[in-house]
Amino acid sequence: MKNIIAILGIFLIGATGFAQNKNAKATIDVDGVCGMCKQRIEKASIKAKGVKSAIWDVDTHQLALIYNEEKTDLTKIQQSVADSGHDTQDIKAKDEVYENIDPCCKYRDQQVIDDHQND
């Protein structure tokens, strides 16, 4: 009987080790230049099912995420951001989507980047 209880205990401990985190945290790089980009990036991140929090920093280009690993993963979140027109560390936005974002948000244009740094 003790052996059965010990085996069940080990099994349960092992099974919880493989459980996915409902409050996983991650940080990814996302290109952008301004407050409008911030709103678009955060909104696109939250659209990905399972994302609980998304905060993008204009200066560092870091997107801090809290998400449920049972419902989504970083690739899906990055794809949602790229679909909004912003390049991530692993997924580049399609050119046609990028071209439709506001002119002040053209983060691939060095002149736009320079203009935002002078603000």
C-alpha atoms as a PDB file:
ATOM      1  CA  MET A   1       0.000   0.000   0.000  1.00  0.00           C
ATOM      2  CA  LYS A   2       2.839   2.381   0.851  1.00  0.00           C
ATOM      3  CA  ASN A   3       4.394   1.689  -2.532  1.00  0.00           C
ATOM      4  CA  ILE A   4       1.186   2.617  -4.332  1.00  0.00           C
ATOM      5  CA  ILE A   5       0.892   5.875  -2.381  1.00  0.00           C
ATOM      6  CA  ALA A   6       4.551   6.686  -3.071  1.00  0.00           C
ATOM      7  CA  ILE A   7       4.143   6.004  -6.794  1.00  0.00           C
ATOM      8  CA  LEU A   8       0.997   8.134  -6.972  1.00  0.00           C
ATOM      9  CA  GLY A   9       2.779  10.943  -5.108  1.00  0.00           C
ATOM     10  CA  ILE A  10       5.703  10.867  -7.520  1.00  0.00           C
ATOM     11  CA  PHE A  11       3.308  10.766 -10.482  1.00  0.00           C
ATOM     12  CA  LEU A  12       1.375  13.790  -9.229  1.00  0.00           C
ATOM     13  CA  ILE A  13       4.540  15.777  -8.570  1.00  0.00           C
ATOM     14  CA  GLY A  14       5.831  14.900 -12.040  1.00  0.00           C
ATOM     15  CA  ALA A  15       2.529  15.799 -13.700  1.00  0.00           C
ATOM     16  CA  THR A  16       2.453  19.241 -12.116  1.00  0.00           C
ATOM     17  CA  GLY A  17       5.969  19.833 -13.433  1.00  0.00           C
ATOM     18  CA  PHE A  18       4.619  19.563 -16.961  1.00  0.00           C
ATOM     19  CA  ALA A  19       1.627  21.815 -16.353  1.00  0.00           C
ATOM     20  CA  GLN A  20       1.578  24.975 -18.424  1.00  0.00           C
ATOM     21  CA  ASN A  21       1.790  28.321 -16.729  1.00  0.00           C
ATOM     22  CA  LYS A  22      -1.410  30.383 -16.635  1.00  0.00           C
ATOM     23  CA  ASN A  23       0.595  33.517 -15.824  1.00  0.00           C
ATOM     24  CA  ALA A  24       3.684  33.113 -17.994  1.00  0.00           C
ATOM     25  CA  LYS A  25       5.815  36.203 -18.410  1.00  0.00           C
ATOM     26  CA  ALA A  26       7.919  37.092 -21.429  1.00  0.00           C
ATOM     27  CA  THR A  27       9.504  40.079 -23.088  1.00  0.00           C
ATOM     28  CA  ILE A  28       9.908  40.419 -26.834  1.00  0.00           C
ATOM     29  CA  ASP A  29      11.349  43.119 -29.087  1.00  0.00           C
ATOM     30  CA  VAL A  30       8.838  44.974 -31.263  1.00  0.00           C
ATOM     31  CA  ASP A  31       9.681  47.803 -33.667  1.00  0.00           C
ATOM     32  CA  GLY A  32       7.816  51.085 -33.368  1.00  0.00           C
ATOM     33  CA  VAL A  33       8.466  54.775 -32.720  1.00  0.00           C
ATOM     34  CA  CYS A  34       5.599  56.546 -30.952  1.00  0.00           C
ATOM     35  CA  GLY A  35       2.510  56.504 -28.780  1.00  0.00           C
ATOM     36  CA  MET A  36       0.309  55.493 -31.699  1.00  0.00           C
ATOM     37  CA  CYS A  37       2.568  52.487 -32.249  1.00  0.00           C
ATOM     38  CA  LYS A  38       2.286  51.669 -28.532  1.00  0.00           C
ATOM     39  CA  GLN A  39      -1.510  51.589 -28.726  1.00  0.00           C
ATOM     40  CA  ARG A  40      -1.493  49.446 -31.878  1.00  0.00           C
ATOM     41  CA  ILE A  41       1.090  46.973 -30.523  1.00  0.00           C
ATOM     42  CA  GLU A  42      -0.630  46.552 -27.167  1.00  0.00           C
ATOM     43  CA  LYS A  43      -4.065  46.177 -28.765  1.00  0.00           C
ATOM     44  CA  ALA A  44      -2.771  43.563 -31.220  1.00  0.00           C
ATOM     45  CA  SER A  45      -1.120  41.655 -28.374  1.00  0.00           C
ATOM     46  CA  ILE A  46      -4.280  41.606 -26.273  1.00  0.00           C
ATOM     47  CA  LYS A  47      -6.216  40.320 -29.313  1.00  0.00           C
ATOM     48  CA  ALA A  48      -4.231  37.092 -29.098  1.00  0.00           C
ATOM     49  CA  LYS A  49      -6.386  34.765 -27.006  1.00  0.00           C
ATOM     50  CA  GLY A  50      -4.838  34.167 -23.606  1.00  0.00           C
ATOM     51  CA  VAL A  51      -2.880  37.421 -23.292  1.00  0.00           C
ATOM     52  CA  LYS A  52      -3.656  39.046 -19.960  1.00  0.00           C
ATOM     53  CA  SER A  53      -1.306  42.035 -20.083  1.00  0.00           C
ATOM     54  CA  ALA A  54       0.786  43.712 -22.772  1.00  0.00           C
ATOM     55  CA  ILE A  55       2.864  46.817 -22.138  1.00  0.00           C
ATOM     56  CA  TRP A  56       5.191  48.159 -24.831  1.00  0.00           C
ATOM     57  CA  ASP A  57       7.955  50.618 -23.982  1.00  0.00           C
ATOM     58  CA  VAL A  58       8.559  53.267 -26.671  1.00  0.00           C
ATOM     59  CA  ASP A  59      12.189  53.818 -25.649  1.00  0.00           C
ATOM     60  CA  THR A  60      13.368  50.213 -25.278  1.00  0.00           C
ATOM     61  CA  HIS A  61      10.985  48.606 -27.831  1.00  0.00           C
ATOM     62  CA  GLN A  62      10.332  45.855 -25.272  1.00  0.00           C
ATOM     63  CA  LEU A  63       6.854  44.323 -25.096  1.00  0.00           C
ATOM     64  CA  ALA A  64       6.272  42.883 -21.617  1.00  0.00           C
ATOM     65  CA  LEU A  65       3.646  40.144 -21.659  1.00  0.00           C
ATOM     66  CA  ILE A  66       1.668  38.086 -19.185  1.00  0.00           C
ATOM     67  CA  TYR A  67      -0.197  35.259 -20.905  1.00  0.00           C
ATOM     68  CA  ASN A  68      -1.761  31.846 -20.415  1.00  0.00           C
ATOM     69  CA  GLU A  69       0.432  29.167 -22.016  1.00  0.00           C
ATOM     70  CA  GLU A  70      -2.577  26.850 -22.214  1.00  0.00           C
ATOM     71  CA  LYS A  71      -4.255  29.248 -24.654  1.00  0.00           C
ATOM     72  CA  THR A  72      -1.439  30.820 -26.660  1.00  0.00           C
ATOM     73  CA  ASP A  73       2.304  30.987 -27.221  1.00  0.00           C
ATOM     74  CA  LEU A  74       4.842  33.637 -28.172  1.00  0.00           C
ATOM     75  CA  THR A  75       4.671  32.805 -31.866  1.00  0.00           C
ATOM     76  CA  LYS A  76       0.916  33.457 -31.977  1.00  0.00           C
ATOM     77  CA  ILE A  77       1.313  36.705 -30.062  1.00  0.00           C
ATOM     78  CA  GLN A  78       4.111  37.856 -32.356  1.00  0.00           C
ATOM     79  CA  GLN A  79       2.016  36.970 -35.400  1.00  0.00           C
ATOM     80  CA  SER A  80      -0.842  39.092 -34.084  1.00  0.00           C
ATOM     81  CA  VAL A  81       1.551  42.031 -33.621  1.00  0.00           C
ATOM     82  CA  ALA A  82       3.050  41.519 -37.095  1.00  0.00           C
ATOM     83  CA  ASP A  83      -0.471  41.399 -38.552  1.00  0.00           C
ATOM     84  CA  SER A  84      -0.961  44.906 -37.123  1.00  0.00           C
ATOM     85  CA  GLY A  85       2.059  46.186 -39.052  1.00  0.00           C
ATOM     86  CA  HIS A  86       4.929  45.918 -36.561  1.00  0.00           C
ATOM     87  CA  ASP A  87       8.030  43.752 -36.850  1.00  0.00           C
ATOM     88  CA  THR A  88       8.840  41.549 -33.874  1.00  0.00           C
ATOM     89  CA  GLN A  89      12.081  39.828 -32.983  1.00  0.00           C
ATOM     90  CA  ASP A  90      11.013  36.717 -34.908  1.00  0.00           C
ATOM     91  CA  ILE A  91       8.273  37.765 -37.355  1.00  0.00           C
ATOM     92  CA  LYS A  92       8.400  40.599 -39.870  1.00  0.00           C
ATOM     93  CA  ALA A  93       5.163  42.392 -40.767  1.00  0.00           C
ATOM     94  CA  LYS A  94       4.071  42.012 -44.378  1.00  0.00           C
ATOM     95  CA  ASP A  95       5.047  45.042 -46.456  1.00  0.00           C
ATOM     96  CA  GLU A  96       1.459  45.722 -47.535  1.00  0.00           C
ATOM     97  CA  VAL A  97       0.321  45.804 -43.900  1.00  0.00           C
ATOM     98  CA  TYR A  98       3.249  48.018 -42.888  1.00  0.00           C
ATOM     99  CA  GLU A  99       2.441  50.465 -45.684  1.00  0.00           C
ATOM    100  CA  ASN A 100      -1.073  50.959 -44.258  1.00  0.00           C
ATOM    101  CA  ILE A 101       0.042  52.197 -40.844  1.00  0.00           C
ATOM    102  CA  ASP A 102       0.075  55.934 -40.125  1.00  0.00           C
ATOM    103  CA  PRO A 103       2.986  57.832 -41.764  1.00  0.00           C
ATOM    104  CA  CYS A 104       4.342  58.926 -38.356  1.00  0.00           C
ATOM    105  CA  CYS A 105       4.656  55.248 -37.402  1.00  0.00           C
ATOM    106  CA  LYS A 106       6.923  54.178 -40.290  1.00  0.00           C
ATOM    107  CA  TYR A 107       9.629  52.729 -38.055  1.00  0.00           C
ATOM    108  CA  ARG A 108      11.548  51.353 -41.051  1.00  0.00           C
ATOM    109  CA  ASP A 109      12.146  54.927 -42.305  1.00  0.00           C
ATOM    110  CA  GLN A 110      15.260  56.497 -40.772  1.00  0.00           C
ATOM    111  CA  GLN A 111      13.846  60.026 -41.192  1.00  0.00           C
ATOM    112  CA  VAL A 112      10.767  59.095 -39.124  1.00  0.00           C
ATOM    113  CA  ILE A 113      13.005  57.576 -36.432  1.00  0.00           C
ATOM    114  CA  ASP A 114      15.137  60.739 -36.376  1.00  0.00           C
ATOM    115  CA  ASP A 115      12.056  62.959 -36.167  1.00  0.00           C
ATOM    116  CA  HIS A 116      10.775  61.051 -33.117  1.00  0.00           C
ATOM    117  CA  GLN A 117      14.140  61.248 -31.370  1.00  0.00           C
ATOM    118  CA  ASN A 118      14.091  65.033 -31.690  1.00  0.00           C
ATOM    119  CA  ASP A 119      10.700  65.277 -29.900  1.00  0.00           C
END
